[in-house]
Amino acid sequence: MQAPLWSTARRTAQPPRTCCPLHKCGSADQTASKTGLGAGPPMGGQFFQRTASGGRALLLAALFALPAGCGPAGGAGESVLRSANWSGPGNDPKFLGLERELIRGFESGHPGVRVQVEQIPGPGLYEAKLLLMVLSGEPPDVLQLDASSAAVLVDNGLLLDLAPYMAADPDFRRDHYFDNVMEIARRGDKLFAVPLDFTPMVIVYNQRLFDAAGVPYPHDNWSWDDFLRAARALTIEPSASRPKQYGFQFENWMPLWMPWIWANGGDVVGPDGRSVQGCFDGPRSMEAIRFLADLMLVHRVAPTPRESAAAGTDLFRAGRAAMILTGHWMLIEYKVDRLDIGVAPIPTNTGEPVTVMYASSLAVAAGARHPRLAWEYVKFMTSEAVQRRRVSTGLAISGNRRTAEHYAAHDGLEAEFLRHAAYARPPIGSRVERYVACEDFGREMFEDILNAGVPVEEAVQRAARLMQKVLARRAED
């Protein structure tokens, strides 16, 4: 039987490897616009350990350097509702202005209430700051829940079960929300958050480059052979008049490349939530990682992170890469760039489409001072009327099904994203508490492969051992 097109059985001689520092994992363009999403770089580090008495305690060593939140200081007869999110000064001013306008709408409908928004910007600071607020006895009433690390908050008793509020509220309709997004914060009969917005990860492609190369647009059931064939046809070597054009833009950010493992029938962590060895370093996962590495080192249809950094620009946005794996948040940038784009599923070797979703939800802290008012705020911000305005910026798909379907009916790209959302899986960190630290090892693994010439098998096995140690500590807690 002939080896598939992408298989290393067809490898040519390995090109020389270079060794130099990589730029940061994930491009600024991929991460800077995620104001409303839980799709930002997952936070590394661990938060909980078992104390001698057997109870849970927060690890403080990394947290004391962070400023603690101050309690609300409302005026006479004024209730202050504290709402925490991870946006900051670097986020889209238009979106932040709209958020403030929506909050004023809530306040006008609740006389005597003032919403105090507490923004926690900075990679890796959000969960740490929230946990410090809880430890100091000053948790926010409402908080934005990142699906990528939801298990940290959901599985440690830090959030209020909203199921009783939903059941008792005649104005709330659970069927107005996507089941697979709602599932992220569900534990049995308990529901700890309401979806705000989300995105599935998809292949976005430049239709103009496909047309120029005479390459058919991707179809729903395309395989890795199909993908590699297209990437080769779309890769154009540099000339005196133009730089090299690549078929695909790879970014070494594990939340982006992890779904390729699922698309080959592999996984990072086993069903028990702690078995990495034999899973991440299993044959299907290993094959997926080798395929991605070969796109850069063998087939030369994708730039290495070093080459991307040297270009000094986002190659896809500049029209120098034909395909990229990304989320809905980038549509805003692509519209500014006037790119003619299409959306396709991640190519699969299993015959079944698969991807991951990154989502943002609203939750109420277990120690909230105003739990009933917090529920009213969550219900308001996730309602159809508010969501129609909130997602009008194009940042994400609304977690409110009726709103999402409204926009999909008027926009072909929205309809495509919504179609691919139907089969999207929750991120691993929504169920595995320490998984966010594993993603750092995944990034370092690709740095070793692409920079230092470490063989794929060796690099993957080392990463699997390190991940296993992290999750084993979870099992001992």
Protein backbone atom coordinates (compact mmCIF):
# COMPACT_ATOMS: atom_id res chain seq x y z
CA MET A 1 0.00 0.00 0.00
CA GLN A 2 1.36 3.39 -0.98
CA ALA A 3 2.22 5.72 1.88
CA PRO A 4 -0.07 8.78 2.12
CA LEU A 5 1.19 12.03 0.67
CA TRP A 6 1.84 13.58 4.08
CA SER A 7 3.57 10.53 5.57
CA THR A 8 7.21 10.67 6.59
CA ALA A 9 7.64 7.49 4.58
CA ARG A 10 7.83 9.90 1.62
CA ARG A 11 10.27 12.27 3.29
CA THR A 12 13.11 13.73 1.33
CA ALA A 13 16.42 14.48 3.00
CA GLN A 14 15.98 16.56 6.13
CA PRO A 15 16.99 20.19 5.49
CA PRO A 16 19.56 21.81 7.75
CA ARG A 17 18.12 22.92 11.06
CA THR A 18 18.85 26.24 12.66
CA CYS A 19 19.08 27.14 16.28
CA CYS A 20 17.90 30.53 17.41
CA PRO A 21 15.40 32.00 19.86
CA LEU A 22 11.80 31.91 18.72
CA HIS A 23 9.43 34.82 18.91
CA LYS A 24 6.74 34.51 21.51
CA CYS A 25 4.24 31.70 20.98
CA GLY A 26 1.14 32.95 19.22
CA SER A 27 1.33 36.12 17.18
CA ALA A 28 0.19 39.43 18.52
CA ASP A 29 -2.41 39.51 15.76
CA GLN A 30 -3.84 36.19 16.93
CA THR A 31 -4.14 37.19 20.57
CA ALA A 32 -4.55 40.94 20.87
CA SER A 33 -8.17 41.14 19.78
CA LYS A 34 -9.71 38.60 22.15
CA THR A 35 -11.47 41.09 24.36
CA GLY A 36 -14.60 39.05 24.84
CA LEU A 37 -13.30 35.53 24.37
CA GLY A 38 -11.88 32.91 26.63
CA ALA A 39 -9.40 32.11 23.95
CA GLY A 40 -6.41 34.06 25.10
CA PRO A 41 -3.15 32.37 26.00
CA PRO A 42 -3.92 29.93 28.81
CA MET A 43 -2.36 30.73 32.11
CA GLY A 44 0.50 28.57 33.28
CA GLY A 45 1.25 27.57 36.84
CA GLN A 46 -0.68 25.69 39.48
CA PHE A 47 -3.05 27.13 42.03
CA PHE A 48 -4.00 24.45 44.51
CA GLN A 49 -2.26 22.01 46.76
CA ARG A 50 -3.38 19.72 49.54
CA THR A 51 -2.63 21.04 53.02
CA ALA A 52 -1.54 18.84 55.91
CA SER A 53 -5.10 18.82 57.22
CA GLY A 54 -6.39 17.54 53.89
CA GLY A 55 -8.25 20.71 52.85
CA ARG A 56 -7.53 22.81 49.77
CA ALA A 57 -5.39 25.92 50.06
CA LEU A 58 -4.35 28.42 47.47
CA LEU A 59 -0.72 28.60 46.47
CA LEU A 60 0.34 32.13 47.33
CA ALA A 61 3.98 32.32 46.38
CA ALA A 62 3.23 33.60 42.89
CA LEU A 63 0.26 35.67 43.94
CA PHE A 64 1.47 37.99 46.71
CA ALA A 65 3.20 40.16 44.13
CA LEU A 66 -0.21 40.98 42.65
CA PRO A 67 -2.26 43.85 44.07
CA ALA A 68 -5.31 42.65 45.95
CA GLY A 69 -8.73 43.92 44.93
CA CYS A 70 -10.38 46.48 47.15
CA GLY A 71 -13.90 46.04 48.39
CA PRO A 72 -16.69 48.12 46.85
CA ALA A 73 -17.25 51.60 48.21
CA GLY A 74 -20.83 52.47 47.31
CA GLY A 75 -22.58 55.67 48.31
CA ALA A 76 -25.51 55.86 50.68
CA GLY A 77 -28.22 53.46 49.57
CA GLU A 78 -26.12 52.30 46.61
CA SER A 79 -25.33 48.65 45.88
CA VAL A 80 -22.06 48.05 44.07
CA LEU A 81 -21.94 44.99 41.84
CA ARG A 82 -18.36 44.00 41.07
CA SER A 83 -17.71 42.36 37.70
CA ALA A 84 -14.26 41.06 36.76
CA ASN A 85 -12.98 40.45 33.24
CA TRP A 86 -9.63 40.14 31.51
CA SER A 87 -9.84 43.09 29.14
CA GLY A 88 -7.56 46.09 29.46
CA PRO A 89 -6.31 49.30 27.85
CA GLY A 90 -4.91 47.45 24.85
CA ASN A 91 -8.29 46.10 23.80
CA ASP A 92 -10.56 47.46 21.10
CA PRO A 93 -11.85 50.89 22.28
CA LYS A 94 -15.02 50.47 20.24
CA PHE A 95 -15.84 47.21 21.99
CA LEU A 96 -15.02 48.58 25.45
CA GLY A 97 -17.22 51.62 24.77
CA LEU A 98 -20.09 49.34 23.80
CA GLU A 99 -19.60 47.32 26.99
CA ARG A 100 -19.85 50.48 29.08
CA GLU A 101 -23.02 51.47 27.25
CA LEU A 102 -24.59 48.07 27.92
CA ILE A 103 -23.66 48.29 31.59
CA ARG A 104 -25.36 51.68 31.83
CA GLY A 105 -28.45 50.00 30.42
CA PHE A 106 -28.39 47.47 33.26
CA GLU A 107 -27.90 50.22 35.84
CA SER A 108 -30.81 52.24 34.48
CA GLY A 109 -33.05 49.21 34.87
CA HIS A 110 -31.83 48.67 38.44
CA PRO A 111 -31.99 51.99 40.29
CA GLY A 112 -29.54 52.23 43.17
CA VAL A 113 -27.11 49.74 41.56
CA ARG A 114 -23.69 50.63 40.21
CA VAL A 115 -21.61 48.10 38.28
CA GLN A 116 -17.91 48.32 39.11
CA VAL A 117 -15.92 46.70 36.30
CA GLU A 118 -12.56 45.32 37.44
CA GLN A 119 -10.30 44.67 34.48
CA ILE A 120 -7.37 42.32 34.99
CA PRO A 121 -5.12 42.69 31.93
CA GLY A 122 -1.86 40.89 31.31
CA PRO A 123 -1.09 37.34 30.14
CA GLY A 124 -1.32 34.83 32.96
CA LEU A 125 -2.67 37.21 35.60
CA TYR A 126 -6.43 36.72 35.40
CA GLU A 127 -6.98 33.46 37.30
CA ALA A 128 -4.20 34.29 39.75
CA LYS A 129 -5.79 37.64 40.62
CA LEU A 130 -9.25 36.07 40.94
CA LEU A 131 -7.91 33.45 43.32
CA LEU A 132 -6.20 36.10 45.40
CA MET A 133 -9.49 38.02 45.61
CA VAL A 134 -11.21 34.87 46.86
CA LEU A 135 -8.49 34.22 49.44
CA SER A 136 -8.68 37.78 50.73
CA GLY A 137 -12.45 37.48 51.19
CA GLU A 138 -13.21 39.98 48.42
CA PRO A 139 -14.27 37.99 45.36
CA PRO A 140 -16.08 39.82 42.57
CA ASP A 141 -19.79 39.18 42.31
CA VAL A 142 -19.61 38.31 38.61
CA LEU A 143 -16.61 37.00 36.73
CA GLN A 144 -15.77 36.12 33.17
CA LEU A 145 -14.96 32.41 32.92
CA ASP A 146 -12.34 31.29 30.42
CA ALA A 147 -13.16 27.82 29.09
CA SER A 148 -9.44 27.11 28.66
CA SER A 149 -8.93 27.06 32.42
CA ALA A 150 -12.49 26.67 33.70
CA ALA A 151 -11.70 23.58 35.77
CA VAL A 152 -9.58 25.68 38.15
CA LEU A 153 -12.64 27.64 39.28
CA VAL A 154 -15.47 25.21 38.59
CA ASP A 155 -13.97 22.19 40.35
CA ASN A 156 -12.80 23.94 43.50
CA GLY A 157 -16.07 25.29 44.84
CA LEU A 158 -15.37 28.87 43.83
CA LEU A 159 -18.48 29.42 41.71
CA LEU A 160 -22.18 29.53 42.55
CA ASP A 161 -24.44 26.86 41.09
CA LEU A 162 -26.78 28.81 38.81
CA ALA A 163 -29.12 25.91 38.02
CA PRO A 164 -31.58 26.83 40.82
CA TYR A 165 -31.67 30.45 39.60
CA MET A 166 -32.33 29.30 36.05
CA ALA A 167 -35.11 26.95 37.13
CA ALA A 168 -36.83 29.63 39.25
CA ASP A 169 -36.57 32.41 36.67
CA PRO A 170 -39.45 32.45 34.15
CA ASP A 171 -37.52 34.90 31.93
CA PHE A 172 -34.56 32.56 31.41
CA ARG A 173 -34.67 29.93 28.67
CA ARG A 174 -31.86 27.40 28.80
CA ASP A 175 -32.72 26.19 25.30
CA HIS A 176 -31.73 29.63 23.97
CA TYR A 177 -28.06 28.69 24.52
CA PHE A 178 -25.80 26.20 22.78
CA ASP A 179 -25.67 22.87 24.59
CA ASN A 180 -22.02 22.15 23.81
CA VAL A 181 -20.98 25.60 25.08
CA MET A 182 -23.18 25.33 28.18
CA GLU A 183 -21.62 21.91 28.85
CA ILE A 184 -18.26 23.53 29.63
CA ALA A 185 -19.45 24.68 33.07
CA ARG A 186 -21.83 21.79 33.79
CA ARG A 187 -21.06 19.25 36.49
CA GLY A 188 -23.91 16.78 36.81
CA ASP A 189 -27.09 18.72 37.53
CA LYS A 190 -25.11 21.83 38.47
CA LEU A 191 -24.45 24.68 36.05
CA PHE A 192 -21.86 27.26 36.99
CA ALA A 193 -21.93 29.73 34.08
CA VAL A 194 -23.96 31.05 31.16
CA PRO A 195 -22.24 31.34 27.74
CA LEU A 196 -21.27 34.83 26.67
CA ASP A 197 -19.44 34.20 23.39
CA PHE A 198 -17.25 31.59 21.74
CA THR A 199 -15.45 30.45 18.61
CA PRO A 200 -14.57 27.14 17.02
CA MET A 201 -11.06 26.95 15.58
CA VAL A 202 -11.17 26.66 11.79
CA ILE A 203 -8.99 26.91 8.72
CA VAL A 204 -9.36 30.36 7.18
CA TYR A 205 -8.12 30.60 3.61
CA ASN A 206 -7.38 33.40 1.18
CA GLN A 207 -9.71 32.84 -1.78
CA ARG A 208 -7.73 35.18 -4.05
CA LEU A 209 -4.55 33.11 -3.60
CA PHE A 210 -6.46 29.88 -4.20
CA ASP A 211 -7.98 31.32 -7.38
CA ALA A 212 -4.61 32.58 -8.64
CA ALA A 213 -3.07 29.13 -8.16
CA GLY A 214 -6.04 27.32 -9.67
CA VAL A 215 -6.53 25.35 -6.45
CA PRO A 216 -10.09 24.25 -5.53
CA TYR A 217 -11.41 25.58 -2.24
CA PRO A 218 -11.29 23.11 0.68
CA HIS A 219 -14.31 20.84 1.12
CA ASP A 220 -15.85 19.47 4.29
CA ASN A 221 -14.25 16.03 4.11
CA TRP A 222 -10.77 17.00 3.06
CA SER A 223 -7.90 14.87 4.33
CA TRP A 224 -4.32 15.62 5.25
CA ASP A 225 -3.31 14.53 1.76
CA ASP A 226 -5.73 17.08 0.33
CA PHE A 227 -4.36 19.76 2.66
CA LEU A 228 -0.73 19.06 1.80
CA ARG A 229 -1.49 18.94 -1.91
CA ALA A 230 -3.17 22.36 -1.68
CA ALA A 231 -0.38 23.80 0.50
CA ARG A 232 2.25 22.70 -2.01
CA ALA A 233 0.36 24.24 -4.91
CA LEU A 234 -0.05 27.48 -2.97
CA THR A 235 3.62 27.75 -1.99
CA ILE A 236 5.56 29.99 -4.37
CA GLU A 237 9.31 30.41 -4.05
CA PRO A 238 10.68 33.96 -3.79
CA SER A 239 11.73 35.93 -6.83
CA ALA A 240 13.36 39.28 -7.46
CA SER A 241 9.94 40.91 -7.41
CA ARG A 242 8.25 39.20 -4.47
CA PRO A 243 9.01 37.31 -1.27
CA LYS A 244 8.06 33.68 -0.73
CA GLN A 245 4.39 32.78 -0.47
CA TYR A 246 3.49 29.90 1.86
CA GLY A 247 0.60 27.50 1.69
CA PHE A 248 0.00 27.58 5.46
CA GLN A 249 0.98 29.74 8.41
CA PHE A 250 1.89 27.73 11.51
CA GLU A 251 1.98 29.32 14.95
CA ASN A 252 3.54 27.60 17.93
CA TRP A 253 0.71 28.12 20.36
CA MET A 254 -0.66 24.80 21.61
CA PRO A 255 -4.33 25.90 21.72
CA LEU A 256 -3.99 26.42 17.95
CA TRP A 257 -2.18 23.24 16.91
CA MET A 258 -3.64 20.78 19.44
CA PRO A 259 -6.79 20.04 17.34
CA TRP A 260 -4.57 18.46 14.67
CA ILE A 261 -3.96 15.68 17.20
CA TRP A 262 -7.70 15.10 17.56
CA ALA A 263 -8.03 15.15 13.76
CA ASN A 264 -5.70 12.14 13.60
CA GLY A 265 -7.55 10.21 16.31
CA GLY A 266 -5.08 11.05 19.07
CA ASP A 267 -5.33 13.09 22.26
CA VAL A 268 -3.22 14.88 24.84
CA VAL A 269 -4.80 13.48 28.00
CA GLY A 270 -6.68 10.23 28.56
CA PRO A 271 -10.31 9.96 29.72
CA ASP A 272 -9.19 9.88 33.36
CA GLY A 273 -7.89 13.45 33.06
CA ARG A 274 -4.34 12.62 34.11
CA SER A 275 -2.83 9.99 31.77
CA VAL A 276 -0.55 11.73 29.29
CA GLN A 277 2.05 9.06 28.62
CA GLY A 278 0.66 6.57 26.17
CA CYS A 279 -1.69 9.27 24.91
CA PHE A 280 0.21 12.42 23.90
CA ASP A 281 3.19 10.26 22.94
CA GLY A 282 0.98 7.57 21.41
CA PRO A 283 1.31 6.77 17.70
CA ARG A 284 -1.60 8.92 16.46
CA SER A 285 -0.60 11.99 18.44
CA MET A 286 3.05 11.52 17.48
CA GLU A 287 2.06 11.27 13.84
CA ALA A 288 0.13 14.54 14.02
CA ILE A 289 3.04 16.41 15.58
CA ARG A 290 5.45 15.00 13.00
CA PHE A 291 3.08 16.07 10.22
CA LEU A 292 3.07 19.65 11.49
CA ALA A 293 6.84 19.70 11.89
CA ASP A 294 7.27 18.33 8.37
CA LEU A 295 5.15 21.12 6.93
CA MET A 296 7.98 23.45 7.93
CA LEU A 297 11.12 21.31 7.88
CA VAL A 298 10.51 18.89 5.02
CA HIS A 299 7.80 20.14 2.68
CA ARG A 300 8.62 23.82 3.30
CA VAL A 301 4.99 24.86 2.79
CA ALA A 302 4.81 26.71 6.11
CA PRO A 303 7.27 29.11 7.72
CA THR A 304 8.96 28.22 10.96
CA PRO A 305 8.23 30.64 13.80
CA ARG A 306 11.69 32.08 13.19
CA GLU A 307 10.87 32.77 9.55
CA SER A 308 7.53 34.29 10.50
CA ALA A 309 9.23 36.59 12.98
CA ALA A 310 11.87 37.60 10.45
CA ALA A 311 9.15 38.62 8.02
CA GLY A 312 8.08 41.32 10.47
CA THR A 313 4.42 40.94 9.58
CA ASP A 314 1.49 38.56 9.87
CA LEU A 315 2.03 36.57 6.70
CA PHE A 316 -1.61 35.62 6.25
CA ARG A 317 -2.82 39.18 6.64
CA ALA A 318 -0.12 40.34 4.23
CA GLY A 319 -1.30 37.88 1.56
CA ARG A 320 1.87 35.82 1.86
CA ALA A 321 0.28 32.70 3.39
CA ALA A 322 -2.82 31.08 1.92
CA MET A 323 -4.20 29.29 4.98
CA ILE A 324 -4.17 29.71 8.75
CA LEU A 325 -5.81 27.98 11.71
CA THR A 326 -7.54 30.63 13.80
CA GLY A 327 -10.74 31.78 15.50
CA HIS A 328 -13.59 34.19 14.91
CA TRP A 329 -11.82 37.10 16.65
CA MET A 330 -9.55 37.54 13.63
CA LEU A 331 -12.45 38.33 11.29
CA ILE A 332 -12.33 41.93 12.48
CA GLU A 333 -8.73 42.26 11.31
CA TYR A 334 -9.33 40.43 8.03
CA LYS A 335 -12.18 42.77 7.17
CA VAL A 336 -9.91 45.76 7.81
CA ASP A 337 -7.35 44.13 5.50
CA ARG A 338 -10.07 43.58 2.85
CA LEU A 339 -9.10 39.93 2.54
CA ASP A 340 -11.39 37.73 0.49
CA ILE A 341 -11.59 34.74 2.82
CA GLY A 342 -13.35 31.44 3.20
CA VAL A 343 -13.72 29.07 6.13
CA ALA A 344 -13.07 25.33 6.17
CA PRO A 345 -12.82 22.57 8.78
CA ILE A 346 -9.49 21.27 10.00
CA PRO A 347 -8.53 18.44 7.61
CA THR A 348 -9.09 15.07 9.20
CA ASN A 349 -7.67 11.57 8.91
CA THR A 350 -10.57 9.99 10.79
CA GLY A 351 -13.39 10.81 8.39
CA GLU A 352 -15.10 12.82 11.12
CA PRO A 353 -14.80 16.60 11.54
CA VAL A 354 -13.33 17.76 14.82
CA THR A 355 -12.16 21.01 16.36
CA VAL A 356 -11.92 22.78 19.68
CA MET A 357 -13.98 25.73 20.87
CA TYR A 358 -12.70 28.52 23.05
CA ALA A 359 -15.43 30.24 25.01
CA SER A 360 -16.15 32.96 27.50
CA SER A 361 -19.01 32.65 29.99
CA LEU A 362 -20.32 34.67 32.91
CA ALA A 363 -20.31 33.11 36.36
CA VAL A 364 -21.16 34.21 39.91
CA ALA A 365 -18.60 33.79 42.67
CA ALA A 366 -19.60 31.45 45.48
CA GLY A 367 -18.82 34.25 47.96
CA ALA A 368 -20.59 37.01 46.03
CA ARG A 369 -22.04 39.79 48.21
CA HIS A 370 -25.01 40.19 45.88
CA PRO A 371 -25.77 36.76 44.37
CA ARG A 372 -29.34 37.57 43.29
CA LEU A 373 -28.28 40.83 41.67
CA ALA A 374 -25.31 39.06 40.09
CA TRP A 375 -27.68 36.54 38.52
CA GLU A 376 -29.78 39.39 37.10
CA TYR A 377 -26.62 40.89 35.57
CA VAL A 378 -25.57 37.54 34.04
CA LYS A 379 -29.05 37.07 32.60
CA PHE A 380 -29.07 40.62 31.21
CA MET A 381 -25.64 40.43 29.54
CA THR A 382 -26.37 37.05 27.92
CA SER A 383 -29.90 37.95 26.79
CA GLU A 384 -30.79 38.08 23.12
CA ALA A 385 -31.38 41.84 23.07
CA VAL A 386 -28.04 42.67 24.67
CA GLN A 387 -26.13 40.02 22.74
CA ARG A 388 -27.35 41.37 19.40
CA ARG A 389 -25.56 44.60 20.21
CA ARG A 390 -22.55 43.07 21.94
CA VAL A 391 -21.47 40.76 19.11
CA SER A 392 -22.20 43.35 16.42
CA THR A 393 -18.48 44.20 16.52
CA GLY A 394 -17.76 40.80 14.96
CA LEU A 395 -15.51 39.66 17.80
CA ALA A 396 -17.15 36.30 18.45
CA ILE A 397 -20.18 34.09 18.04
CA SER A 398 -22.83 34.86 20.62
CA GLY A 399 -23.42 32.17 23.22
CA ASN A 400 -27.09 33.01 22.81
CA ARG A 401 -28.31 30.69 20.07
CA ARG A 402 -31.04 33.03 18.79
CA THR A 403 -28.56 35.88 18.42
CA ALA A 404 -25.99 33.69 16.67
CA GLU A 405 -28.62 32.39 14.25
CA HIS A 406 -29.75 35.96 13.53
CA TYR A 407 -26.27 36.98 12.39
CA ALA A 408 -25.70 33.71 10.53
CA ALA A 409 -28.84 34.35 8.49
CA HIS A 410 -27.35 37.60 7.16
CA ASP A 411 -23.65 36.73 6.80
CA GLY A 412 -22.14 33.75 5.00
CA LEU A 413 -18.99 33.67 7.13
CA GLU A 414 -21.05 33.75 10.32
CA ALA A 415 -23.08 30.85 9.00
CA GLU A 416 -19.91 28.88 8.26
CA PHE A 417 -18.46 29.48 11.73
CA LEU A 418 -21.76 28.46 13.29
CA ARG A 419 -21.84 25.28 11.22
CA HIS A 420 -18.39 24.27 12.41
CA ALA A 421 -19.30 25.11 16.00
CA ALA A 422 -21.83 22.28 16.01
CA TYR A 423 -19.14 19.59 16.33
CA ALA A 424 -16.59 21.58 18.38
CA ARG A 425 -15.30 20.04 21.62
CA PRO A 426 -14.64 21.96 24.84
CA PRO A 427 -10.97 22.67 25.56
CA ILE A 428 -9.16 20.15 27.72
CA GLY A 429 -8.55 22.76 30.42
CA SER A 430 -12.28 23.04 31.00
CA ARG A 431 -12.14 19.60 32.66
CA VAL A 432 -8.50 19.07 33.61
CA GLU A 433 -7.42 21.49 36.30
CA ARG A 434 -3.68 21.62 35.68
CA TYR A 435 -3.80 21.34 31.92
CA VAL A 436 -2.86 24.98 31.28
CA ALA A 437 0.67 24.23 32.52
CA CYS A 438 0.93 21.36 30.04
CA GLU A 439 0.49 23.79 27.17
CA ASP A 440 3.80 25.44 28.03
CA PHE A 441 5.51 22.07 27.61
CA GLY A 442 3.83 21.67 24.24
CA ARG A 443 5.19 25.01 23.08
CA GLU A 444 8.68 24.15 24.33
CA MET A 445 8.47 20.80 22.55
CA PHE A 446 8.02 22.47 19.18
CA GLU A 447 10.82 24.91 19.98
CA ASP A 448 13.12 21.92 20.52
CA ILE A 449 12.01 20.29 17.27
CA LEU A 450 12.18 23.40 15.11
CA ASN A 451 15.14 25.19 16.70
CA ALA A 452 17.46 22.63 18.22
CA GLY A 453 16.94 19.74 15.81
CA VAL A 454 15.61 17.42 18.50
CA PRO A 455 13.95 14.40 16.85
CA VAL A 456 10.16 14.47 17.04
CA GLU A 457 9.87 11.25 19.02
CA GLU A 458 12.40 12.38 21.62
CA ALA A 459 10.82 15.81 22.02
CA VAL A 460 7.29 14.42 22.31
CA GLN A 461 8.27 11.79 24.86
CA ARG A 462 10.04 14.40 26.98
CA ALA A 463 7.02 16.71 26.87
CA ALA A 464 4.74 13.79 27.79
CA ARG A 465 6.86 12.98 30.85
CA LEU A 466 6.74 16.59 32.03
CA MET A 467 2.98 16.84 31.46
CA GLN A 468 2.50 13.55 33.28
CA LYS A 469 4.30 14.89 36.33
CA VAL A 470 2.06 17.96 36.42
CA LEU A 471 -1.15 15.96 36.20
CA ALA A 472 0.13 13.31 38.62
CA ARG A 473 0.42 16.03 41.26
CA ARG A 474 -3.24 16.75 40.64
CA ALA A 475 -4.07 13.09 41.32
CA GLU A 476 -2.17 13.26 44.64
CA ASP A 477 -4.02 16.36 45.85
